[in-house]
Amino acid sequence: MKEKISVKCRKCDSAVIYPEGLNGEIICAKCGIVLESTFSLKHFSHWTPKWFSNWNEQDSETLKEWLTTLRAVSCQLNIPNFPYREEAARTIRTQNRLLSKSQKLSKNKRATVAALMHLVLKEYDKIRPIKEISKELSLDNKLVLKQAWILNKTINQEKNDVKIQRKTSTDYLHEKGGKIPLNKEIFSVAESTLCQVKASGGNPIGVAAGALYFACKKKTKISKEEIGQVFGISERTVYANEVRIRKLMANKFRSKLMVMIACS
């Protein structure tokens, strides 16, 4: 049996309306009038039978609180389970960490969920004013409006936040240093050096150039000017990083030597 949507028919005032007709229309079960044709499901066009609003034992207590509040709010607003409440529940699940982290959103869950329902309905072109939602839920419309603004901004920021992995000094060593005709042994020495000094920090490009110059000094005639040109930095920066790396390596060597003496 198809789930009923509690929406009044504009012709016979019946509250018994089914969400799907023969061609996906919304029809009144009493008088048969087609209330809306081509019922559009933006997010659930390839929806699988999974109810996001139902929780299980693996869900946290905080998530259960959010979903319980959603159920109460959607029932009070007479909002159908599918797709509106399910879309809101999906958002709560996917943004659970974000919702729980934000004190402004989690402090008043009821107002936040009311704001979320407004945004979900708006997404489906089912505009329901915040004033109307707030009145039915006995909430301050200014608070719900504020929560809607924070929620919309926070979720969109999370979606648009593209995390770019910062390149390491080893990445720059292979990317930039690979343009210099050197044998594998020198690159191995430079890479090993970077592994030993990586905890010391510094600009990864400069550190990579310094490590390469450190490896080149005794075995090739490649100058700091040539390395700087390839890495796109000054020869002074190459030299400064090489000096720092040389001192770090010397300190490591002394430390190992002291340990060996102590153990002998």
Protein backbone atom coordinates (compact mmCIF):
# COMPACT_ATOMS: atom_id res chain seq x y z
CA MET A 1 0.00 0.00 0.00
CA LYS A 2 1.31 3.39 -0.93
CA GLU A 3 2.04 5.84 1.84
CA LYS A 4 -0.53 8.59 2.16
CA ILE A 5 0.39 12.25 2.19
CA SER A 6 -1.68 14.39 4.54
CA VAL A 7 -2.40 17.27 2.19
CA LYS A 8 -5.88 18.65 1.61
CA CYS A 9 -7.37 18.36 -1.84
CA ARG A 10 -8.27 21.74 -3.31
CA LYS A 11 -11.52 20.37 -4.78
CA CYS A 12 -13.12 18.07 -2.20
CA ASP A 13 -11.08 19.10 0.87
CA SER A 14 -10.11 15.47 1.43
CA ALA A 15 -6.92 14.76 3.33
CA VAL A 16 -6.39 11.39 1.63
CA ILE A 17 -3.91 11.94 -1.19
CA TYR A 18 -1.54 9.37 -2.69
CA PRO A 19 1.93 10.45 -3.89
CA GLU A 20 1.94 8.42 -7.11
CA GLY A 21 -0.54 8.08 -9.92
CA LEU A 22 -0.12 6.06 -13.09
CA ASN A 23 2.49 8.44 -14.43
CA GLY A 24 3.95 9.67 -11.15
CA GLU A 25 1.21 12.26 -10.46
CA ILE A 26 -0.11 13.25 -7.05
CA ILE A 27 -3.81 12.37 -7.02
CA CYS A 28 -6.67 12.60 -4.57
CA ALA A 29 -7.97 9.15 -3.62
CA LYS A 30 -11.50 10.47 -3.00
CA CYS A 31 -12.35 12.56 -6.07
CA GLY A 32 -9.48 11.50 -8.34
CA ILE A 33 -8.27 14.99 -9.22
CA VAL A 34 -4.63 15.26 -10.32
CA LEU A 35 -3.06 17.74 -7.92
CA GLU A 36 0.42 17.74 -9.40
CA SER A 37 1.89 16.08 -12.43
CA THR A 38 5.44 14.70 -12.77
CA PHE A 39 6.32 14.47 -9.08
CA SER A 40 9.95 15.60 -9.14
CA LEU A 41 12.50 14.03 -6.80
CA LYS A 42 15.69 16.00 -7.17
CA HIS A 43 17.89 14.13 -4.75
CA PHE A 44 16.12 10.78 -4.82
CA SER A 45 15.88 10.16 -8.57
CA HIS A 46 17.94 7.00 -8.01
CA TRP A 47 16.73 6.51 -4.45
CA THR A 48 17.16 3.09 -2.86
CA PRO A 49 14.79 1.82 -0.17
CA LYS A 50 16.79 3.08 2.76
CA TRP A 51 15.08 5.15 5.44
CA PHE A 52 17.53 7.71 6.77
CA SER A 53 15.13 8.81 9.51
CA ASN A 54 15.22 5.39 11.21
CA TRP A 55 18.13 4.85 13.55
CA ASN A 56 19.91 1.70 14.63
CA GLU A 57 22.12 0.56 17.50
CA GLN A 58 25.27 1.90 15.82
CA ASP A 59 23.95 5.48 15.79
CA SER A 60 25.17 7.83 18.51
CA GLU A 61 22.85 9.28 21.12
CA THR A 62 23.34 12.74 19.62
CA LEU A 63 22.28 11.53 16.18
CA LYS A 64 19.21 9.87 17.71
CA GLU A 65 18.30 13.19 19.35
CA TRP A 66 18.52 14.97 15.99
CA LEU A 67 16.37 12.35 14.25
CA THR A 68 13.81 12.33 17.09
CA THR A 69 13.54 16.10 16.87
CA LEU A 70 13.15 15.83 13.08
CA ARG A 71 10.35 13.30 13.46
CA ALA A 72 8.49 15.51 15.95
CA VAL A 73 8.90 18.64 13.83
CA SER A 74 7.88 16.99 10.56
CA CYS A 75 4.78 15.46 12.19
CA GLN A 76 3.76 18.78 13.71
CA LEU A 77 4.26 20.52 10.35
CA ASN A 78 2.36 17.73 8.60
CA ILE A 79 5.30 17.11 6.23
CA PRO A 80 5.37 13.82 4.26
CA ASN A 81 8.04 11.26 5.12
CA PHE A 82 9.14 10.91 1.52
CA PRO A 83 10.97 12.71 0.13
CA TYR A 84 11.07 15.76 2.41
CA ARG A 85 11.68 14.23 5.83
CA GLU A 86 14.00 11.63 4.35
CA GLU A 87 16.02 14.33 2.59
CA ALA A 88 16.29 16.23 5.88
CA ALA A 89 17.31 13.02 7.67
CA ARG A 90 19.92 12.32 4.99
CA THR A 91 21.35 15.81 5.53
CA ILE A 92 21.47 15.26 9.29
CA ARG A 93 23.32 11.98 8.83
CA THR A 94 25.85 13.29 6.32
CA GLN A 95 26.43 16.50 8.30
CA ASN A 96 26.19 14.94 11.77
CA ARG A 97 29.77 15.83 12.73
CA LEU A 98 29.29 19.40 11.57
CA LEU A 99 25.93 19.82 13.36
CA SER A 100 27.27 18.42 16.62
CA LYS A 101 30.44 20.51 16.41
CA SER A 102 28.58 23.80 15.97
CA GLN A 103 27.29 25.03 19.34
CA LYS A 104 25.05 27.58 17.62
CA LEU A 105 23.26 24.78 15.73
CA SER A 106 23.20 22.09 18.42
CA LYS A 107 22.16 24.41 21.24
CA ASN A 108 18.61 24.64 19.89
CA LYS A 109 17.99 21.50 17.86
CA ARG A 110 14.30 22.20 17.38
CA ALA A 111 14.92 25.59 15.77
CA THR A 112 17.74 24.15 13.66
CA VAL A 113 15.57 21.28 12.41
CA ALA A 114 12.77 23.77 11.62
CA ALA A 115 15.29 25.78 9.59
CA LEU A 116 16.48 22.60 7.88
CA MET A 117 12.92 21.68 6.86
CA HIS A 118 12.48 25.17 5.39
CA LEU A 119 15.68 24.72 3.33
CA VAL A 120 14.71 21.20 2.18
CA LEU A 121 11.23 22.30 1.10
CA LYS A 122 12.78 25.25 -0.71
CA GLU A 123 15.14 22.87 -2.52
CA TYR A 124 12.11 20.99 -3.82
CA ASP A 125 10.36 24.25 -4.80
CA LYS A 126 7.85 23.77 -1.98
CA ILE A 127 8.23 27.17 -0.39
CA ARG A 128 7.02 27.32 3.18
CA PRO A 129 7.79 30.63 4.89
CA ILE A 130 9.83 30.61 8.07
CA LYS A 131 7.17 32.70 9.79
CA GLU A 132 4.57 30.03 9.08
CA ILE A 133 6.86 27.20 10.23
CA SER A 134 7.82 29.10 13.39
CA LYS A 135 4.21 29.85 14.24
CA GLU A 136 3.14 26.20 13.94
CA LEU A 137 6.08 25.10 16.08
CA SER A 138 5.69 27.95 18.59
CA LEU A 139 9.23 29.13 17.87
CA ASP A 140 10.69 32.60 17.52
CA ASN A 141 10.83 33.22 13.76
CA LYS A 142 13.96 35.37 14.19
CA LEU A 143 15.74 32.44 15.84
CA VAL A 144 14.69 30.03 13.06
CA LEU A 145 15.75 32.57 10.43
CA LYS A 146 19.13 32.89 12.14
CA GLN A 147 19.52 29.09 12.31
CA ALA A 148 18.63 28.80 8.61
CA TRP A 149 21.30 31.34 7.72
CA ILE A 150 23.97 29.60 9.86
CA LEU A 151 22.96 26.15 8.61
CA ASN A 152 22.98 27.16 4.95
CA LYS A 153 26.33 28.90 5.26
CA THR A 154 27.93 26.07 7.24
CA ILE A 155 26.76 23.26 4.94
CA ASN A 156 27.68 25.14 1.77
CA GLN A 157 31.09 25.99 3.19
CA GLU A 158 31.63 22.31 3.99
CA LYS A 159 30.62 21.31 0.46
CA ASN A 160 32.81 23.91 -1.20
CA ASP A 161 35.76 23.33 1.06
CA VAL A 162 38.27 21.64 -1.23
CA LYS A 163 41.09 20.21 0.78
CA ILE A 164 44.29 20.31 -1.22
CA GLN A 165 47.02 18.05 0.04
CA ARG A 166 50.14 20.11 0.55
CA LYS A 167 53.14 18.84 -1.36
CA THR A 168 56.01 17.56 0.74
CA SER A 169 59.68 18.32 0.28
CA THR A 170 60.12 14.82 -1.19
CA ASP A 171 57.45 15.59 -3.79
CA TYR A 172 59.33 18.75 -4.80
CA LEU A 173 62.61 16.85 -4.87
CA HIS A 174 61.28 14.50 -7.56
CA GLU A 175 59.20 17.11 -9.38
CA LYS A 176 61.81 19.87 -9.60
CA GLY A 177 65.06 17.98 -9.06
CA GLY A 178 64.12 15.48 -11.75
CA LYS A 179 64.86 18.18 -14.31
CA ILE A 180 68.54 18.08 -13.39
CA PRO A 181 70.56 15.25 -15.00
CA LEU A 182 71.80 13.43 -11.88
CA ASN A 183 72.33 9.77 -11.06
CA LYS A 184 70.01 7.78 -8.82
CA GLU A 185 72.53 7.60 -5.99
CA ILE A 186 72.45 11.36 -5.45
CA PHE A 187 68.66 11.38 -5.42
CA SER A 188 68.70 8.51 -2.92
CA VAL A 189 71.02 10.47 -0.63
CA ALA A 190 68.85 13.60 -0.93
CA GLU A 191 65.68 11.59 -0.24
CA SER A 192 67.25 9.88 2.77
CA THR A 193 68.37 13.28 4.07
CA LEU A 194 64.83 14.66 3.76
CA CYS A 195 63.46 11.72 5.75
CA GLN A 196 65.87 12.51 8.58
CA VAL A 197 65.17 16.26 8.72
CA LYS A 198 61.44 16.31 7.88
CA ALA A 199 60.48 17.04 11.49
CA SER A 200 62.50 20.27 11.45
CA GLY A 201 59.94 22.12 9.31
CA GLY A 202 60.65 24.84 6.78
CA ASN A 203 59.41 25.65 3.30
CA PRO A 204 59.21 22.29 1.45
CA ILE A 205 60.63 23.73 -1.80
CA GLY A 206 63.61 25.29 -0.05
CA VAL A 207 64.21 22.18 2.07
CA ALA A 208 64.12 19.96 -1.03
CA ALA A 209 66.57 22.23 -2.86
CA GLY A 210 68.87 22.35 0.19
CA ALA A 211 68.84 18.56 0.55
CA LEU A 212 69.67 18.13 -3.12
CA TYR A 213 72.55 20.62 -2.87
CA PHE A 214 73.75 18.84 0.27
CA ALA A 215 73.82 15.55 -1.68
CA CYS A 216 75.47 17.17 -4.73
CA LYS A 217 78.26 19.15 -3.06
CA LYS A 218 80.88 16.42 -2.77
CA LYS A 219 79.94 14.33 -5.79
CA THR A 220 79.00 16.71 -8.62
CA LYS A 221 79.73 20.17 -9.93
CA ILE A 222 76.06 21.23 -9.86
CA SER A 223 76.01 24.69 -8.31
CA LYS A 224 73.49 26.23 -5.94
CA GLU A 225 72.67 28.73 -8.72
CA GLU A 226 71.58 25.93 -11.07
CA ILE A 227 69.51 24.23 -8.35
CA GLY A 228 67.90 27.53 -7.38
CA GLN A 229 66.97 28.22 -10.98
CA VAL A 230 65.30 24.81 -11.38
CA PHE A 231 63.43 25.11 -8.05
CA GLY A 232 62.44 28.70 -8.70
CA ILE A 233 64.18 30.13 -5.63
CA SER A 234 67.31 32.20 -5.03
CA GLU A 235 70.77 30.66 -4.62
CA ARG A 236 70.89 32.23 -1.17
CA THR A 237 67.79 30.26 -0.13
CA VAL A 238 69.35 27.06 -1.46
CA TYR A 239 72.55 27.73 0.49
CA ALA A 240 70.71 28.68 3.70
CA ASN A 241 68.69 25.45 3.64
CA GLU A 242 71.79 23.39 2.87
CA VAL A 243 73.61 24.91 5.83
CA ARG A 244 70.67 24.19 8.13
CA ILE A 245 70.41 20.60 6.87
CA ARG A 246 74.17 20.12 7.26
CA LYS A 247 73.99 21.23 10.91
CA LEU A 248 70.97 19.00 11.59
CA MET A 249 72.72 16.00 10.08
CA ALA A 250 75.88 16.75 12.09
CA ASN A 251 73.86 16.94 15.31
CA LYS A 252 72.17 13.63 14.50
CA PHE A 253 75.54 12.04 13.86
CA ARG A 254 76.91 13.34 17.18
CA SER A 255 73.85 12.07 19.02
CA LYS A 256 74.24 8.60 17.54
CA LEU A 257 77.92 8.63 18.37
CA MET A 258 77.22 9.55 22.01
CA VAL A 259 74.67 6.72 22.27
CA MET A 260 77.19 4.24 20.85
CA ILE A 261 79.84 5.39 23.32
CA ALA A 262 77.41 5.15 26.21
CA CYS A 263 76.38 1.63 25.21
CA SER A 264 79.95 0.36 24.75
